[in-house]
C-alpha cells in the first residue's frame, strides 16, 4: 500500500453540515469546528476557495488551528480554471479597475495583466500552508466545455506551471479526456509531466461525466467521490450531492483503493457528497474499511 492514505471530506463548514448535528453542542466557532474536524480526519479539501479567493489572514488561521501533519487541498478560484465567476467575487480593487461590472466574468473579460494579478494573489494567500507543510495540492478542476486537445494540454501545463512551487492536481469534467483511446493519451501526458490525475466517482451519462478510472500519474494520487444523485444537473448544491454511499459501495471502493494505493506514495481520498453529514459519515466508514488511522478516532466518541 501507499506510504500514506489520507481520507477526508470536501468541506467542514457548509450550512447543511452545521445543521446536521455532526458537530456536538459547544462546538460552534470557526476555530472549534476546524479543531474538531482535524481531530477526526487528517485531510480536508477547501472548496470555498473556488467561489471566493481566500484572505491571507483566513489561511493563516487554518494553519494555526490545525495540528502538524494535517493536510489541506485547495480548490482553485473559478476564474483561474475557465469557469464563469461572479464579478462580486473578484478582489475589490480589480473590480473597480474594471468599472465595477455586474453579472459574471471569464478570464478573457479581465485581460492578461489582471488575470496574472489574480493568480499572484490567490497563490500568495495559500502559500502559508505550503510553507508550513500543510498544503497537499491545488485542485485545478477544468469545466465541461474544456475538451481534450493539444491547445488545452498546453493550457493545463501552463496552469500547473503558474502554481509552482505549490503542487497542483488536475480533474477533468469533459469526457473526451478519458473516453476510449483518450484515456491512455491523457494519462500518458500527465505522467510525462508528473502531474497528479484526480480520479472521480460521479454520475454517468452527462456531458461532464468521467468514468471511474483509478490512475496514478505521479507520486500523489487523488480520488474524489461526488456521489450518484439523480439530480446531478441541478444548480442546487444540496440536490447535486444528496447521496449516501451504501455499505456494499464503500466495501467495493475500499478494495479498489487498497489495490490501487500501491501505485503511488500518497493517496488522498475525499468525499465530496457534501449534503448534511453524508461526506463525514461516508469518509469515516471508508477509513475504517481501508484500515487507515484517523487522528483522535478512539477518543472521538462520534464519527
Protein backbone atom coordinates (compact mmCIF):
# COMPACT_ATOMS: atom_id res chain seq x y z
CA UNK A 1 0.00 0.00 0.00
CA UNK A 2 0.96 3.65 -0.30
CA UNK A 3 3.08 5.12 2.46
CA UNK A 4 0.09 7.27 3.34
CA UNK A 5 -3.62 7.04 2.56
CA UNK A 6 -5.35 10.16 3.83
CA UNK A 7 -9.15 10.20 3.98
CA UNK A 8 -11.20 13.35 4.40
CA UNK A 9 -14.05 15.44 3.02
CA UNK A 10 -14.50 18.45 0.78
CA UNK A 11 -15.92 20.71 3.45
CA UNK A 12 -16.17 21.31 7.15
CA UNK A 13 -18.29 24.48 7.19
CA UNK A 14 -21.22 24.23 4.77
CA UNK A 15 -24.58 25.14 6.23
CA UNK A 16 -26.23 21.76 5.83
CA UNK A 17 -23.37 20.12 7.75
CA UNK A 18 -23.72 22.65 10.57
CA UNK A 19 -27.44 21.88 10.70
CA UNK A 20 -26.93 18.10 10.67
CA UNK A 21 -25.80 17.68 14.27
CA UNK A 22 -22.40 16.26 13.31
CA UNK A 23 -20.73 18.91 15.44
CA UNK A 24 -21.63 18.40 19.10
CA UNK A 25 -23.06 21.07 21.34
CA UNK A 26 -20.40 23.52 22.38
CA UNK A 27 -18.50 23.29 19.09
CA UNK A 28 -19.82 26.45 17.49
CA UNK A 29 -16.99 28.79 16.48
CA UNK A 30 -14.87 28.51 13.30
CA UNK A 31 -11.81 27.63 15.38
CA UNK A 32 -13.67 24.94 17.36
CA UNK A 33 -15.17 23.37 14.24
CA UNK A 34 -11.86 23.12 12.41
CA UNK A 35 -10.17 21.70 15.51
CA UNK A 36 -12.97 19.15 15.89
CA UNK A 37 -12.74 18.15 12.23
CA UNK A 38 -8.92 17.91 12.34
CA UNK A 39 -9.26 15.64 15.37
CA UNK A 40 -11.17 13.15 13.22
CA UNK A 41 -9.66 13.42 9.75
CA UNK A 42 -6.09 14.14 8.55
CA UNK A 43 -7.18 15.78 5.27
CA UNK A 44 -9.67 18.34 4.04
CA UNK A 45 -10.37 19.91 0.69
CA UNK A 46 -11.29 23.60 0.77
CA UNK A 47 -13.97 24.16 -1.86
CA UNK A 48 -14.92 27.65 -0.67
CA UNK A 49 -11.83 29.00 -2.44
CA UNK A 50 -13.46 28.11 -5.78
CA UNK A 51 -16.18 30.69 -5.06
CA UNK A 52 -14.09 33.38 -3.37
CA UNK A 53 -10.30 33.73 -3.22
CA UNK A 54 -9.24 33.46 0.42
CA UNK A 55 -7.77 36.23 2.52
CA UNK A 56 -4.25 35.70 3.84
CA UNK A 57 -5.41 36.02 7.45
CA UNK A 58 -8.01 33.30 6.88
CA UNK A 59 -5.41 30.88 5.54
CA UNK A 60 -3.07 31.71 8.42
CA UNK A 61 -5.91 30.86 10.80
CA UNK A 62 -6.39 27.48 9.09
CA UNK A 63 -2.71 26.81 9.53
CA UNK A 64 -2.68 27.85 13.17
CA UNK A 65 -5.84 25.91 14.10
CA UNK A 66 -4.66 22.52 12.80
CA UNK A 67 -2.00 20.14 14.12
CA UNK A 68 1.27 19.25 12.42
CA UNK A 69 0.69 16.70 9.68
CA UNK A 70 -2.80 17.91 8.82
CA UNK A 71 -3.22 18.45 5.06
CA UNK A 72 -5.27 20.95 3.07
CA UNK A 73 -6.10 20.61 -0.61
CA UNK A 74 -7.22 23.95 -2.04
CA UNK A 75 -9.64 24.19 -4.95
CA UNK A 76 -8.53 26.88 -7.41
CA UNK A 77 -10.64 30.02 -7.77
CA UNK A 78 -13.19 29.57 -10.56
CA UNK A 79 -11.78 32.37 -12.73
CA UNK A 80 -8.43 30.56 -12.93
CA UNK A 81 -9.87 27.35 -14.39
CA UNK A 82 -12.13 28.81 -17.07
CA UNK A 83 -15.39 28.94 -15.14
CA UNK A 84 -17.84 31.85 -15.04
CA UNK A 85 -17.16 33.92 -11.95
CA UNK A 86 -19.49 36.41 -10.25
CA UNK A 87 -17.95 39.86 -10.55
CA UNK A 88 -18.58 40.41 -6.83
CA UNK A 89 -16.14 37.55 -6.08
CA UNK A 90 -13.21 39.44 -7.57
CA UNK A 91 -10.80 41.44 -5.46
CA UNK A 92 -12.47 44.80 -4.89
CA UNK A 93 -9.72 46.95 -6.39
CA UNK A 94 -9.64 44.82 -9.55
CA UNK A 95 -13.40 45.10 -9.78
CA UNK A 96 -13.18 48.87 -9.54
CA UNK A 97 -10.44 48.91 -12.16
CA UNK A 98 -12.81 47.06 -14.49
CA UNK A 99 -15.58 49.58 -13.93
CA UNK A 100 -17.34 47.62 -11.18
CA UNK A 101 -19.22 45.28 -13.55
CA UNK A 102 -22.28 43.22 -12.65
CA UNK A 103 -23.04 39.63 -13.54
CA UNK A 104 -20.43 37.00 -14.35
CA UNK A 105 -17.00 37.27 -15.88
CA UNK A 106 -14.50 34.98 -17.56
CA UNK A 107 -10.74 35.38 -17.58
CA UNK A 108 -10.94 36.80 -21.12
CA UNK A 109 -13.02 39.72 -19.76
CA UNK A 110 -10.21 40.82 -17.44
CA UNK A 111 -7.22 40.88 -19.75
CA UNK A 112 -3.84 39.17 -19.25
CA UNK A 113 -2.43 41.57 -16.65
CA UNK A 114 -5.47 41.37 -14.37
CA UNK A 115 -5.61 37.57 -14.67
CA UNK A 116 -1.92 37.40 -13.78
CA UNK A 117 -2.65 39.52 -10.72
CA UNK A 118 -5.48 37.19 -9.64
CA UNK A 119 -3.13 34.21 -9.94
CA UNK A 120 -0.46 36.00 -7.92
CA UNK A 121 -2.80 37.00 -5.09
CA UNK A 122 -4.54 33.63 -4.92
CA UNK A 123 -1.29 31.68 -4.70
CA UNK A 124 0.28 34.18 -2.32
CA UNK A 125 -2.66 33.81 0.07
CA UNK A 126 -2.32 30.00 0.31
CA UNK A 127 1.49 29.99 0.48
CA UNK A 128 1.48 29.90 4.33
CA UNK A 129 0.04 26.37 4.11
CA UNK A 130 2.79 25.37 1.70
CA UNK A 131 5.48 26.84 3.93
CA UNK A 132 4.07 25.01 6.96
CA UNK A 133 3.99 21.68 5.12
CA UNK A 134 0.18 21.62 5.30
CA UNK A 135 -0.63 22.04 1.58
CA UNK A 136 -1.29 18.84 -0.31
CA UNK A 137 -2.22 20.21 -3.73
CA UNK A 138 -4.10 22.94 -5.54
CA UNK A 139 -7.07 21.32 -7.29
CA UNK A 140 -7.40 22.52 -10.88
CA UNK A 141 -10.87 21.40 -11.93
CA UNK A 142 -11.46 22.24 -15.57
CA UNK A 143 -15.01 22.81 -16.87
CA UNK A 144 -17.22 20.61 -19.05
CA UNK A 145 -16.50 22.81 -22.08
CA UNK A 146 -12.75 22.14 -21.85
CA UNK A 147 -12.20 19.15 -24.21
CA UNK A 148 -9.06 17.14 -24.82
CA UNK A 149 -6.70 18.54 -27.43
CA UNK A 150 -3.22 19.92 -27.90
CA UNK A 151 -4.20 23.51 -27.12
CA UNK A 152 -5.88 22.55 -23.87
CA UNK A 153 -3.00 20.26 -22.89
CA UNK A 154 -0.73 23.30 -23.20
CA UNK A 155 -3.18 25.24 -21.05
CA UNK A 156 -3.07 22.54 -18.37
CA UNK A 157 0.73 22.70 -18.34
CA UNK A 158 0.67 26.49 -18.10
CA UNK A 159 -1.78 26.36 -15.18
CA UNK A 160 0.36 23.82 -13.33
CA UNK A 161 3.46 25.93 -14.05
CA UNK A 162 1.78 29.00 -12.59
CA UNK A 163 1.13 27.14 -9.34
CA UNK A 164 4.78 26.12 -8.84
CA UNK A 165 6.35 25.64 -6.37
CA UNK A 166 2.91 24.79 -4.99
CA UNK A 167 1.76 21.42 -6.26
CA UNK A 168 -1.30 21.12 -8.49
CA UNK A 169 -3.53 18.16 -9.38
CA UNK A 170 -5.94 18.04 -12.30
CA UNK A 171 -9.59 17.00 -12.57
CA UNK A 172 -11.42 16.97 -15.89
CA UNK A 173 -15.15 17.36 -16.46
CA UNK A 174 -15.23 16.74 -20.22
CA UNK A 175 -15.48 13.07 -21.14
CA UNK A 176 -13.14 13.36 -24.17
CA UNK A 177 -10.15 13.32 -21.80
CA UNK A 178 -10.95 9.82 -20.53
CA UNK A 179 -13.09 8.32 -23.26
CA UNK A 180 -11.76 5.42 -25.36
CA UNK A 181 -8.20 5.96 -26.57
CA UNK A 182 -8.28 9.43 -25.00
CA UNK A 183 -7.73 7.94 -21.55
CA UNK A 184 -4.34 6.47 -22.44
CA UNK A 185 -3.24 9.71 -24.10
CA UNK A 186 -4.40 11.84 -21.18
CA UNK A 187 -2.79 9.70 -18.50
CA UNK A 188 0.43 9.43 -20.50
CA UNK A 189 0.53 13.21 -20.88
CA UNK A 190 0.03 13.79 -17.15
CA UNK A 191 2.56 11.10 -16.20
CA UNK A 192 5.16 12.55 -18.56
CA UNK A 193 4.95 15.82 -16.67
CA UNK A 194 4.49 14.37 -13.17
CA UNK A 195 1.04 15.89 -12.73
CA UNK A 196 -1.34 14.03 -10.37
CA UNK A 197 -4.57 12.90 -12.01
CA UNK A 198 -7.75 13.25 -9.96
CA UNK A 199 -9.80 10.06 -10.27
CA UNK A 200 -13.53 10.51 -9.72
CA UNK A 201 -16.65 8.58 -8.87
CA UNK A 202 -19.60 10.50 -10.25
CA UNK A 203 -22.93 10.12 -12.09
CA UNK A 204 -22.55 8.81 -15.62
CA UNK A 205 -24.44 9.75 -18.78
CA UNK A 206 -23.82 13.51 -18.54
CA UNK A 207 -21.55 15.66 -20.75
CA UNK A 208 -19.41 16.22 -17.65
CA UNK A 209 -19.21 12.53 -16.75
CA UNK A 210 -15.77 10.98 -16.33
CA UNK A 211 -15.56 7.18 -15.92
CA UNK A 212 -14.37 5.90 -12.51
CA UNK A 213 -10.84 5.03 -13.61
CA UNK A 214 -8.23 4.92 -10.86
CA UNK A 215 -4.91 6.17 -12.19
CA UNK A 216 -1.63 7.25 -10.64
CA UNK A 217 0.35 9.65 -12.82
CA UNK A 218 2.67 10.95 -10.07
CA UNK A 219 3.75 10.07 -6.54
CA UNK A 220 0.50 11.68 -5.33
CA UNK A 221 -2.86 10.23 -6.40
CA UNK A 222 -6.21 11.84 -5.63
CA UNK A 223 -9.64 10.19 -5.60
CA UNK A 224 -12.79 12.31 -5.25
CA UNK A 225 -16.27 10.90 -4.60
CA UNK A 226 -19.15 13.02 -5.90
CA UNK A 227 -21.94 10.52 -5.25
CA UNK A 228 -24.66 9.46 -7.67
CA UNK A 229 -27.50 11.89 -7.14
CA UNK A 230 -30.30 11.66 -9.69
CA UNK A 231 -30.25 15.47 -9.73
CA UNK A 232 -26.60 15.88 -10.77
CA UNK A 233 -27.60 18.57 -13.27
CA UNK A 234 -29.30 20.67 -10.59
CA UNK A 235 -27.86 24.06 -9.76
CA UNK A 236 -28.71 23.46 -6.10
CA UNK A 237 -25.66 22.09 -4.30
CA UNK A 238 -27.87 20.29 -1.77
CA UNK A 239 -29.53 18.34 -4.60
CA UNK A 240 -26.40 17.60 -6.64
CA UNK A 241 -24.63 16.00 -3.69
CA UNK A 242 -27.57 14.50 -1.78
CA UNK A 243 -26.21 10.96 -1.82
CA UNK A 244 -25.09 8.45 0.79
CA UNK A 245 -22.83 5.61 -0.28
CA UNK A 246 -24.14 2.20 0.71
CA UNK A 247 -22.07 -0.32 2.66
CA UNK A 248 -21.53 -2.51 -0.46
CA UNK A 249 -20.40 0.55 -2.44
CA UNK A 250 -17.92 1.56 0.26
CA UNK A 251 -16.61 -2.00 0.55
CA UNK A 252 -16.17 -2.12 -3.23
CA UNK A 253 -14.26 1.15 -3.25
CA UNK A 254 -12.14 0.22 -0.25
CA UNK A 255 -10.97 -2.90 -2.09
CA UNK A 256 -10.21 -0.92 -5.25
CA UNK A 257 -8.32 1.81 -3.39
CA UNK A 258 -6.36 -0.73 -1.35
CA UNK A 259 -5.14 -2.41 -4.54
CA UNK A 260 -4.59 0.88 -6.34
CA UNK A 261 -2.69 2.52 -3.49
CA UNK A 262 0.47 0.57 -4.27
CA UNK A 263 0.95 2.70 -7.38
CA UNK A 264 1.56 5.97 -5.51
CA UNK A 265 3.42 7.13 -2.41
CA UNK A 266 0.46 9.12 -1.11
CA UNK A 267 -3.24 8.78 -1.86
CA UNK A 268 -5.79 11.45 -0.99
CA UNK A 269 -9.35 10.14 -0.72
CA UNK A 270 -12.01 12.84 -0.50
CA UNK A 271 -15.77 12.51 -0.10
CA UNK A 272 -17.48 15.38 -1.91
CA UNK A 273 -21.09 14.27 -1.31
CA UNK A 274 -21.42 17.29 0.95
CA UNK A 275 -25.07 17.33 1.89
CA UNK A 276 -25.64 17.36 5.64
CA UNK A 277 -23.10 14.94 7.18
CA UNK A 278 -23.09 12.45 4.29
CA UNK A 279 -19.45 13.09 3.45
CA UNK A 280 -18.24 12.89 7.06
CA UNK A 281 -20.03 9.62 7.78
CA UNK A 282 -19.01 8.02 4.49
CA UNK A 283 -15.40 9.14 4.92
CA UNK A 284 -15.28 7.74 8.45
CA UNK A 285 -16.60 4.38 7.30
CA UNK A 286 -14.31 4.24 4.26
CA UNK A 287 -11.31 4.94 6.51
CA UNK A 288 -12.38 2.04 8.74
CA UNK A 289 -12.70 -0.29 5.78
CA UNK A 290 -9.28 0.78 4.50
CA UNK A 291 -7.79 0.23 7.93
CA UNK A 292 -6.11 3.63 7.97
CA UNK A 293 -5.82 5.56 11.22
CA UNK A 294 -7.78 8.70 11.91
CA UNK A 295 -6.47 11.23 14.45
CA UNK A 296 -8.30 11.10 17.76
CA UNK A 297 -10.70 8.44 16.46
CA UNK A 298 -10.62 6.30 19.59
CA UNK A 299 -11.43 9.27 21.78
CA UNK A 300 -13.85 10.98 19.44
CA UNK A 301 -16.95 9.21 20.70
CA UNK A 302 -18.75 10.15 17.49
CA UNK A 303 -17.62 9.64 13.88
